[in-house]
Amino acid sequence: MKSRVGAERATTLGLAFAVAALLALGIAWWRDSARPYRRPVWETGKFVQLAPATAAGGERWLVAVNLRCPHCQQHLRALAHRISPRAHPPALGVIVVDQPARPARFDLGVSLAAGVWWDSAQVWRDTWGRRVYGETFRFDARGRLITATPVGALPDSSARWF
């Protein structure tokens, strides 16, 4: 009889913990979604340049990469492979996100004509409100956002996935 009472208490405690965790997650999600975020704008002064851009002007595609995420790095390489045969490919680059210290190494295995930029100020997360690694931002020559596409999507096509 004692073990049954103990099991009921453990079940009740577990259920209460699950409800509290779900409630806390819901409140965190609500607070995050209620916060006003700015539309992404490419301003080089807000980021630390780790590798120089070799392409001047024109359209640039910047991929949000966490250096500990092999999936977003794989997306970057696939994207570079897809655009390389083009006669005039956009300048591809990287925004290194969620990296608290300046990266010492960042060999990503592809040519990055738009450079490599470290988001030391958490602009991607705190100002733009972004959370998904591998997201590709397509900016025009003035730094205005054209599109933002998820991992797996080719930014200048709504129909082709790779």
N, C-alpha and C. Protein backbone atom coordinates (compact mmCIF):
# COMPACT_ATOMS: atom_id res chain seq x y z
N MET A 1 0.82 -1.19 0.00
CA MET A 1 0.00 0.00 0.00
C MET A 1 0.87 1.26 0.00
N LYS A 2 1.97 1.19 0.80
CA LYS A 2 2.86 2.33 0.83
C LYS A 2 3.50 2.60 -0.52
N SER A 3 3.87 1.56 -1.24
CA SER A 3 4.50 1.75 -2.54
C SER A 3 3.52 2.33 -3.55
N ARG A 4 2.25 2.01 -3.40
CA ARG A 4 1.24 2.56 -4.31
C ARG A 4 1.08 4.06 -4.07
N VAL A 5 1.07 4.48 -2.81
CA VAL A 5 0.97 5.89 -2.47
C VAL A 5 2.21 6.62 -2.97
N GLY A 6 3.36 6.01 -2.79
CA GLY A 6 4.60 6.61 -3.28
C GLY A 6 4.61 6.74 -4.80
N ALA A 7 4.10 5.74 -5.48
CA ALA A 7 4.03 5.79 -6.94
C ALA A 7 3.07 6.87 -7.41
N GLU A 8 1.95 7.04 -6.71
CA GLU A 8 0.99 8.09 -7.06
C GLU A 8 1.60 9.47 -6.85
N ARG A 9 2.35 9.63 -5.76
CA ARG A 9 3.01 10.92 -5.49
C ARG A 9 4.07 11.21 -6.57
N ALA A 10 4.82 10.19 -6.93
CA ALA A 10 5.84 10.37 -7.96
C ALA A 10 5.19 10.73 -9.30
N THR A 11 4.09 10.08 -9.61
CA THR A 11 3.38 10.38 -10.85
C THR A 11 2.84 11.80 -10.83
N THR A 12 2.24 12.20 -9.71
CA THR A 12 1.71 13.55 -9.57
C THR A 12 2.83 14.59 -9.66
N LEU A 13 3.93 14.31 -8.99
CA LEU A 13 5.08 15.21 -9.04
C LEU A 13 5.63 15.31 -10.46
N GLY A 14 5.74 14.19 -11.15
CA GLY A 14 6.22 14.19 -12.54
C GLY A 14 5.30 14.96 -13.46
N LEU A 15 3.99 14.79 -13.27
CA LEU A 15 3.01 15.51 -14.08
C LEU A 15 3.09 17.01 -13.81
N ALA A 16 3.22 17.38 -12.52
CA ALA A 16 3.33 18.80 -12.17
C ALA A 16 4.60 19.41 -12.78
N PHE A 17 5.69 18.66 -12.76
CA PHE A 17 6.94 19.14 -13.36
C PHE A 17 6.78 19.33 -14.86
N ALA A 18 6.14 18.37 -15.54
CA ALA A 18 5.93 18.47 -16.98
C ALA A 18 5.06 19.68 -17.33
N VAL A 19 4.00 19.90 -16.56
CA VAL A 19 3.12 21.04 -16.80
C VAL A 19 3.88 22.35 -16.57
N ALA A 20 4.68 22.42 -15.50
CA ALA A 20 5.46 23.63 -15.23
C ALA A 20 6.48 23.90 -16.33
N ALA A 21 7.12 22.85 -16.81
CA ALA A 21 8.09 23.02 -17.90
C ALA A 21 7.41 23.49 -19.17
N LEU A 22 6.27 22.92 -19.48
CA LEU A 22 5.52 23.33 -20.67
C LEU A 22 5.03 24.77 -20.54
N LEU A 23 4.59 25.15 -19.37
CA LEU A 23 4.15 26.52 -19.12
C LEU A 23 5.32 27.49 -19.27
N ALA A 24 6.47 27.14 -18.71
CA ALA A 24 7.65 28.01 -18.83
C ALA A 24 8.08 28.16 -20.29
N LEU A 25 8.03 27.07 -21.04
CA LEU A 25 8.38 27.12 -22.46
C LEU A 25 7.39 28.01 -23.22
N GLY A 26 6.12 27.87 -22.91
CA GLY A 26 5.09 28.70 -23.55
C GLY A 26 5.28 30.18 -23.25
N ILE A 27 5.61 30.51 -22.01
CA ILE A 27 5.84 31.90 -21.64
C ILE A 27 7.08 32.44 -22.36
N ALA A 28 8.14 31.65 -22.41
CA ALA A 28 9.35 32.08 -23.13
C ALA A 28 9.06 32.30 -24.60
N TRP A 29 8.31 31.40 -25.22
CA TRP A 29 7.96 31.55 -26.64
C TRP A 29 7.11 32.79 -26.85
N TRP A 30 6.13 33.00 -25.96
CA TRP A 30 5.25 34.17 -26.08
C TRP A 30 6.05 35.46 -25.95
N ARG A 31 6.96 35.52 -24.96
CA ARG A 31 7.76 36.73 -24.77
C ARG A 31 8.63 37.00 -25.99
N ASP A 32 9.21 35.94 -26.55
CA ASP A 32 10.07 36.11 -27.72
C ASP A 32 9.27 36.56 -28.94
N SER A 33 8.10 35.98 -29.14
CA SER A 33 7.30 36.35 -30.31
C SER A 33 6.63 37.71 -30.16
N ALA A 34 6.44 38.16 -28.93
CA ALA A 34 5.81 39.47 -28.71
C ALA A 34 6.81 40.62 -28.83
N ARG A 35 8.08 40.31 -28.77
CA ARG A 35 9.12 41.33 -28.86
C ARG A 35 9.26 41.82 -30.29
N PRO A 36 9.34 43.13 -30.49
CA PRO A 36 9.52 43.64 -31.86
C PRO A 36 10.97 43.49 -32.31
N TYR A 37 11.15 42.89 -33.47
CA TYR A 37 12.48 42.73 -34.04
C TYR A 37 12.58 43.57 -35.30
N ARG A 38 13.80 43.97 -35.64
CA ARG A 38 14.04 44.75 -36.85
C ARG A 38 14.20 43.84 -38.05
N ARG A 39 13.77 44.32 -39.19
CA ARG A 39 14.00 43.61 -40.44
C ARG A 39 15.51 43.60 -40.68
N PRO A 40 16.07 42.45 -41.06
CA PRO A 40 17.52 42.39 -41.30
C PRO A 40 17.97 43.40 -42.36
N VAL A 41 19.04 44.08 -42.04
CA VAL A 41 19.70 45.02 -42.94
C VAL A 41 21.19 44.74 -42.81
N TRP A 42 21.89 44.63 -43.93
CA TRP A 42 23.32 44.33 -43.87
C TRP A 42 24.09 45.62 -43.65
N GLU A 43 24.67 45.75 -42.44
CA GLU A 43 25.51 46.88 -42.08
C GLU A 43 26.83 46.30 -41.57
N THR A 44 27.88 46.44 -42.35
CA THR A 44 29.16 45.82 -42.00
C THR A 44 29.69 46.29 -40.66
N GLY A 45 29.36 47.50 -40.25
CA GLY A 45 29.84 48.03 -38.98
C GLY A 45 29.30 47.30 -37.76
N LYS A 46 28.26 46.53 -37.93
CA LYS A 46 27.67 45.80 -36.80
C LYS A 46 28.29 44.42 -36.61
N PHE A 47 29.18 44.04 -37.50
CA PHE A 47 29.80 42.71 -37.47
C PHE A 47 31.32 42.86 -37.51
N VAL A 48 32.02 41.85 -37.03
CA VAL A 48 33.48 41.84 -37.05
C VAL A 48 33.93 41.02 -38.25
N GLN A 49 34.72 41.63 -39.12
CA GLN A 49 35.18 40.93 -40.31
C GLN A 49 36.31 39.96 -39.95
N LEU A 50 36.11 38.68 -40.29
CA LEU A 50 37.12 37.65 -40.03
C LEU A 50 37.90 37.29 -41.28
N ALA A 51 37.24 37.40 -42.43
CA ALA A 51 37.89 37.16 -43.72
C ALA A 51 37.34 38.20 -44.68
N PRO A 52 38.22 38.81 -45.46
CA PRO A 52 37.77 39.91 -46.32
C PRO A 52 36.85 39.45 -47.46
N ALA A 53 35.97 40.36 -47.83
CA ALA A 53 35.13 40.14 -48.99
C ALA A 53 35.96 40.46 -50.23
N THR A 54 35.88 39.59 -51.23
CA THR A 54 36.64 39.82 -52.46
C THR A 54 35.76 40.35 -53.57
N ALA A 55 34.46 40.30 -53.39
CA ALA A 55 33.52 40.83 -54.39
C ALA A 55 33.03 42.20 -53.93
N ALA A 56 33.03 43.14 -54.85
CA ALA A 56 32.57 44.49 -54.52
C ALA A 56 31.20 44.73 -55.13
N GLY A 57 30.30 45.29 -54.33
CA GLY A 57 28.97 45.62 -54.81
C GLY A 57 28.18 44.39 -55.21
N GLY A 58 27.01 44.60 -55.73
CA GLY A 58 26.18 43.50 -56.20
C GLY A 58 25.48 42.77 -55.06
N GLU A 59 24.78 41.73 -55.45
CA GLU A 59 24.00 40.95 -54.49
C GLU A 59 24.91 40.05 -53.67
N ARG A 60 24.60 39.93 -52.39
CA ARG A 60 25.36 39.02 -51.52
C ARG A 60 24.40 38.10 -50.78
N TRP A 61 24.82 36.88 -50.64
CA TRP A 61 24.08 35.88 -49.87
C TRP A 61 24.90 35.55 -48.64
N LEU A 62 24.33 35.76 -47.47
CA LEU A 62 25.03 35.49 -46.23
C LEU A 62 24.29 34.38 -45.47
N VAL A 63 25.03 33.36 -45.10
CA VAL A 63 24.46 32.20 -44.41
C VAL A 63 24.83 32.29 -42.94
N ALA A 64 23.82 32.15 -42.07
CA ALA A 64 24.05 32.13 -40.63
C ALA A 64 24.61 30.76 -40.25
N VAL A 65 25.86 30.74 -39.80
CA VAL A 65 26.54 29.47 -39.51
C VAL A 65 27.01 29.46 -38.06
N ASN A 66 26.66 28.40 -37.37
CA ASN A 66 27.24 28.13 -36.06
C ASN A 66 28.37 27.14 -36.31
N LEU A 67 29.55 27.47 -35.87
CA LEU A 67 30.73 26.65 -36.18
C LEU A 67 30.66 25.25 -35.57
N ARG A 68 29.77 25.03 -34.62
CA ARG A 68 29.59 23.70 -34.03
C ARG A 68 28.46 22.93 -34.70
N CYS A 69 27.87 23.48 -35.75
CA CYS A 69 26.72 22.84 -36.41
C CYS A 69 27.14 22.29 -37.78
N PRO A 70 27.33 20.97 -37.89
CA PRO A 70 27.73 20.41 -39.19
C PRO A 70 26.62 20.53 -40.24
N HIS A 71 25.37 20.58 -39.80
CA HIS A 71 24.24 20.66 -40.74
C HIS A 71 24.25 21.99 -41.49
N CYS A 72 24.46 23.10 -40.78
CA CYS A 72 24.44 24.38 -41.49
C CYS A 72 25.70 24.56 -42.33
N GLN A 73 26.81 23.95 -41.93
CA GLN A 73 28.01 23.99 -42.76
C GLN A 73 27.82 23.17 -44.02
N GLN A 74 27.13 22.06 -43.91
CA GLN A 74 26.81 21.24 -45.08
C GLN A 74 25.91 22.01 -46.04
N HIS A 75 24.94 22.76 -45.48
CA HIS A 75 24.06 23.60 -46.31
C HIS A 75 24.89 24.65 -47.05
N LEU A 76 25.84 25.26 -46.36
CA LEU A 76 26.70 26.27 -46.98
C LEU A 76 27.46 25.67 -48.17
N ARG A 77 28.04 24.49 -47.97
CA ARG A 77 28.79 23.84 -49.06
C ARG A 77 27.88 23.47 -50.23
N ALA A 78 26.67 22.98 -49.93
CA ALA A 78 25.73 22.63 -50.99
C ALA A 78 25.29 23.87 -51.76
N LEU A 79 25.07 24.94 -51.05
CA LEU A 79 24.68 26.20 -51.69
C LEU A 79 25.80 26.71 -52.59
N ALA A 80 27.04 26.66 -52.10
CA ALA A 80 28.18 27.09 -52.91
C ALA A 80 28.31 26.24 -54.16
N HIS A 81 28.10 24.94 -54.02
CA HIS A 81 28.16 24.02 -55.17
C HIS A 81 27.08 24.35 -56.19
N ARG A 82 25.87 24.68 -55.71
CA ARG A 82 24.76 24.98 -56.62
C ARG A 82 24.94 26.27 -57.41
N ILE A 83 25.57 27.27 -56.80
CA ILE A 83 25.68 28.57 -57.49
C ILE A 83 26.99 28.72 -58.26
N SER A 84 27.97 27.86 -58.02
CA SER A 84 29.27 28.02 -58.68
C SER A 84 29.23 27.94 -60.20
N PRO A 85 28.35 27.11 -60.83
CA PRO A 85 28.35 27.08 -62.29
C PRO A 85 27.72 28.31 -62.96
N ARG A 86 27.09 29.16 -62.21
CA ARG A 86 26.43 30.33 -62.80
C ARG A 86 27.45 31.27 -63.42
N ALA A 87 27.04 31.94 -64.47
CA ALA A 87 27.92 32.90 -65.13
C ALA A 87 28.28 34.05 -64.18
N HIS A 88 27.32 34.52 -63.41
CA HIS A 88 27.54 35.60 -62.44
C HIS A 88 26.92 35.21 -61.10
N PRO A 89 27.60 34.34 -60.37
CA PRO A 89 27.03 33.90 -59.09
C PRO A 89 27.02 35.04 -58.07
N PRO A 90 26.06 35.03 -57.17
CA PRO A 90 26.07 36.05 -56.11
C PRO A 90 27.27 35.82 -55.20
N ALA A 91 27.68 36.87 -54.52
CA ALA A 91 28.79 36.75 -53.57
C ALA A 91 28.26 36.02 -52.34
N LEU A 92 28.85 34.88 -52.05
CA LEU A 92 28.44 34.07 -50.91
C LEU A 92 29.34 34.37 -49.72
N GLY A 93 28.72 34.49 -48.55
CA GLY A 93 29.48 34.77 -47.33
C GLY A 93 28.84 34.12 -46.13
N VAL A 94 29.44 34.35 -44.98
CA VAL A 94 28.98 33.71 -43.75
C VAL A 94 28.89 34.74 -42.64
N ILE A 95 27.84 34.60 -41.83
CA ILE A 95 27.74 35.30 -40.56
C ILE A 95 27.91 34.23 -39.49
N VAL A 96 28.98 34.28 -38.74
CA VAL A 96 29.22 33.31 -37.67
C VAL A 96 28.39 33.76 -36.46
N VAL A 97 27.43 32.91 -36.08
CA VAL A 97 26.48 33.27 -35.02
C VAL A 97 26.65 32.37 -33.79
N ASP A 98 26.16 32.88 -32.68
CA ASP A 98 26.18 32.16 -31.39
C ASP A 98 27.56 31.65 -31.03
N GLN A 99 28.54 32.49 -31.28
CA GLN A 99 29.94 32.17 -30.96
C GLN A 99 30.40 33.25 -29.98
N PRO A 100 30.48 32.91 -28.67
CA PRO A 100 30.79 33.95 -27.68
C PRO A 100 32.18 34.57 -27.81
N ALA A 101 33.15 33.81 -28.25
CA ALA A 101 34.51 34.34 -28.42
C ALA A 101 34.86 34.38 -29.90
N ARG A 102 35.73 35.31 -30.25
CA ARG A 102 36.17 35.41 -31.64
C ARG A 102 36.76 34.07 -32.09
N PRO A 103 36.24 33.52 -33.19
CA PRO A 103 36.76 32.22 -33.66
C PRO A 103 38.21 32.33 -34.10
N ALA A 104 39.00 31.38 -33.64
CA ALA A 104 40.41 31.34 -34.05
C ALA A 104 40.54 30.74 -35.44
N ARG A 105 39.72 29.72 -35.73
CA ARG A 105 39.72 29.07 -37.04
C ARG A 105 38.29 28.92 -37.53
N PHE A 106 38.14 29.00 -38.83
CA PHE A 106 36.80 28.87 -39.40
C PHE A 106 36.86 28.36 -40.82
N ASP A 107 37.68 27.38 -41.08
CA ASP A 107 37.78 26.82 -42.42
C ASP A 107 36.45 26.14 -42.76
N LEU A 108 35.72 26.72 -43.68
CA LEU A 108 34.40 26.21 -44.03
C LEU A 108 34.40 25.44 -45.34
N GLY A 109 35.52 25.35 -46.00
CA GLY A 109 35.67 24.50 -47.18
C GLY A 109 35.13 25.05 -48.48
N VAL A 110 34.77 26.32 -48.51
CA VAL A 110 34.27 26.93 -49.75
C VAL A 110 34.83 28.35 -49.88
N SER A 111 34.83 28.83 -51.11
CA SER A 111 35.24 30.20 -51.36
C SER A 111 34.10 31.13 -50.95
N LEU A 112 34.43 32.18 -50.19
CA LEU A 112 33.40 33.08 -49.68
C LEU A 112 33.69 34.51 -50.12
N ALA A 113 33.18 34.85 -51.31
CA ALA A 113 33.45 36.17 -51.91
C ALA A 113 32.85 37.31 -51.10
N ALA A 114 31.82 37.05 -50.30
CA ALA A 114 31.21 38.10 -49.47
C ALA A 114 31.85 38.16 -48.09
N GLY A 115 32.88 37.35 -47.86
CA GLY A 115 33.62 37.39 -46.61
C GLY A 115 33.01 36.55 -45.50
N VAL A 116 33.71 36.56 -44.38
CA VAL A 116 33.25 35.88 -43.18
C VAL A 116 33.14 36.93 -42.09
N TRP A 117 32.00 36.97 -41.45
CA TRP A 117 31.69 37.99 -40.46
C TRP A 117 31.27 37.33 -39.15
N TRP A 118 31.78 37.83 -38.05
CA TRP A 118 31.43 37.31 -36.73
C TRP A 118 30.40 38.23 -36.09
N ASP A 119 29.31 37.67 -35.66
CA ASP A 119 28.24 38.43 -35.00
C ASP A 119 28.53 38.51 -33.50
N SER A 120 29.51 39.29 -33.14
CA SER A 120 29.91 39.42 -31.74
C SER A 120 28.86 40.12 -30.89
N ALA A 121 28.02 40.94 -31.50
CA ALA A 121 27.00 41.70 -30.79
C ALA A 121 25.64 41.00 -30.77
N GLN A 122 25.57 39.78 -31.30
CA GLN A 122 24.30 39.02 -31.34
C GLN A 122 23.19 39.75 -32.11
N VAL A 123 23.56 40.44 -33.18
CA VAL A 123 22.59 41.14 -34.02
C VAL A 123 21.60 40.14 -34.61
N TRP A 124 22.11 39.03 -35.10
CA TRP A 124 21.28 38.01 -35.75
C TRP A 124 20.17 37.54 -34.82
N ARG A 125 20.49 37.27 -33.58
CA ARG A 125 19.53 36.74 -32.62
C ARG A 125 18.72 37.84 -31.93
N ASP A 126 19.41 38.86 -31.39
CA ASP A 126 18.74 39.85 -30.55
C ASP A 126 18.08 40.99 -31.30
N THR A 127 18.63 41.39 -32.44
CA THR A 127 18.06 42.50 -33.20
C THR A 127 17.14 42.01 -34.30
N TRP A 128 17.61 40.98 -35.04
CA TRP A 128 16.80 40.45 -36.14
C TRP A 128 15.80 39.40 -35.67
N GLY A 129 16.00 38.83 -34.49
CA GLY A 129 15.09 37.83 -33.95
C GLY A 129 15.17 36.48 -34.63
N ARG A 130 16.34 36.13 -35.14
CA ARG A 130 16.51 34.87 -35.86
C ARG A 130 16.98 33.78 -34.93
N ARG A 131 16.66 32.54 -35.30
CA ARG A 131 17.01 31.41 -34.44
C ARG A 131 17.47 30.18 -35.21
N VAL A 132 17.36 30.16 -36.52
CA VAL A 132 17.60 28.94 -37.30
C VAL A 132 18.95 29.01 -38.01
N TYR A 133 19.86 28.13 -37.60
CA TYR A 133 21.16 28.05 -38.25
C TYR A 133 20.99 27.62 -39.70
N GLY A 134 21.83 28.15 -40.56
CA GLY A 134 21.78 27.79 -41.97
C GLY A 134 20.86 28.67 -42.79
N GLU A 135 20.11 29.55 -42.16
CA GLU A 135 19.23 30.45 -42.90
C GLU A 135 20.09 31.33 -43.80
N THR A 136 19.64 31.54 -45.02
CA THR A 136 20.39 32.34 -45.99
C THR A 136 19.70 33.67 -46.20
N PHE A 137 20.45 34.75 -46.02
CA PHE A 137 19.93 36.11 -46.22
C PHE A 137 20.45 36.63 -47.55
N ARG A 138 19.56 37.11 -48.35
CA ARG A 138 19.90 37.65 -49.66
C ARG A 138 19.76 39.17 -49.58
N PHE A 139 20.88 39.87 -49.69
CA PHE A 139 20.90 41.33 -49.59
C PHE A 139 21.27 41.95 -50.93
N ASP A 140 20.68 43.10 -51.21
CA ASP A 140 21.06 43.81 -52.43
C ASP A 140 22.33 44.62 -52.16
N ALA A 141 22.81 45.36 -53.15
CA ALA A 141 24.07 46.09 -53.03
C ALA A 141 24.02 47.16 -51.94
N ARG A 142 22.83 47.63 -51.59
CA ARG A 142 22.70 48.65 -50.54
C ARG A 142 22.52 48.04 -49.14
N GLY A 143 22.46 46.73 -49.06
CA GLY A 143 22.30 46.07 -47.77
C GLY A 143 20.87 45.80 -47.38
N ARG A 144 19.94 46.05 -48.30
CA ARG A 144 18.53 45.78 -48.00
C ARG A 144 18.22 44.30 -48.22
N LEU A 145 17.42 43.75 -47.33
CA LEU A 145 17.05 42.34 -47.42
C LEU A 145 16.12 42.11 -48.61
N ILE A 146 16.47 41.13 -49.44
CA ILE A 146 15.62 40.72 -50.55
C ILE A 146 14.78 39.53 -50.09
N THR A 147 15.43 38.50 -49.58
CA THR A 147 14.74 37.33 -49.04
C THR A 147 15.56 36.72 -47.92
N ALA A 148 14.89 35.93 -47.11
CA ALA A 148 15.55 35.09 -46.11
C ALA A 148 14.94 33.71 -46.28
N THR A 149 15.79 32.73 -46.54
CA THR A 149 15.28 31.38 -46.83
C THR A 149 15.87 30.36 -45.86
N PRO A 150 15.11 29.32 -45.58
CA PRO A 150 15.58 28.30 -44.65
C PRO A 150 16.63 27.39 -45.27
N VAL A 151 17.23 26.59 -44.42
CA VAL A 151 18.19 25.58 -44.87
C VAL A 151 17.53 24.71 -45.92
N GLY A 152 18.26 24.43 -47.01
CA GLY A 152 17.76 23.55 -48.05
C GLY A 152 17.11 24.27 -49.21
N ALA A 153 16.80 25.55 -49.05
CA ALA A 153 16.16 26.30 -50.14
C ALA A 153 17.20 27.13 -50.88
N LEU A 154 17.05 27.19 -52.17
CA LEU A 154 17.88 28.05 -52.99
C LEU A 154 17.27 29.45 -52.91
N PRO A 155 17.98 30.44 -52.39
CA PRO A 155 17.38 31.74 -52.10
C PRO A 155 16.69 32.46 -53.25
N ASP A 156 17.11 32.25 -54.49
CA ASP A 156 16.46 32.98 -55.58
C ASP A 156 15.44 32.13 -56.31
N SER A 157 14.95 31.08 -55.67
CA SER A 157 13.95 30.22 -56.27
C SER A 157 12.99 29.75 -55.20
N SER A 158 11.70 29.88 -55.44
CA SER A 158 10.72 29.42 -54.47
C SER A 158 10.39 27.96 -54.68
N ALA A 159 10.86 27.37 -55.78
CA ALA A 159 10.46 26.00 -56.10
C ALA A 159 11.58 24.97 -56.00
N ARG A 160 12.83 25.38 -56.11
CA ARG A 160 13.91 24.39 -56.16
C ARG A 160 14.55 24.21 -54.78
N TRP A 161 14.58 23.00 -54.34
CA TRP A 161 15.26 22.62 -53.10
C TRP A 161 16.42 21.72 -53.47
N PHE A 162 17.42 21.68 -52.65
CA PHE A 162 18.54 20.80 -52.91
C PHE A 162 18.86 20.02 -51.67
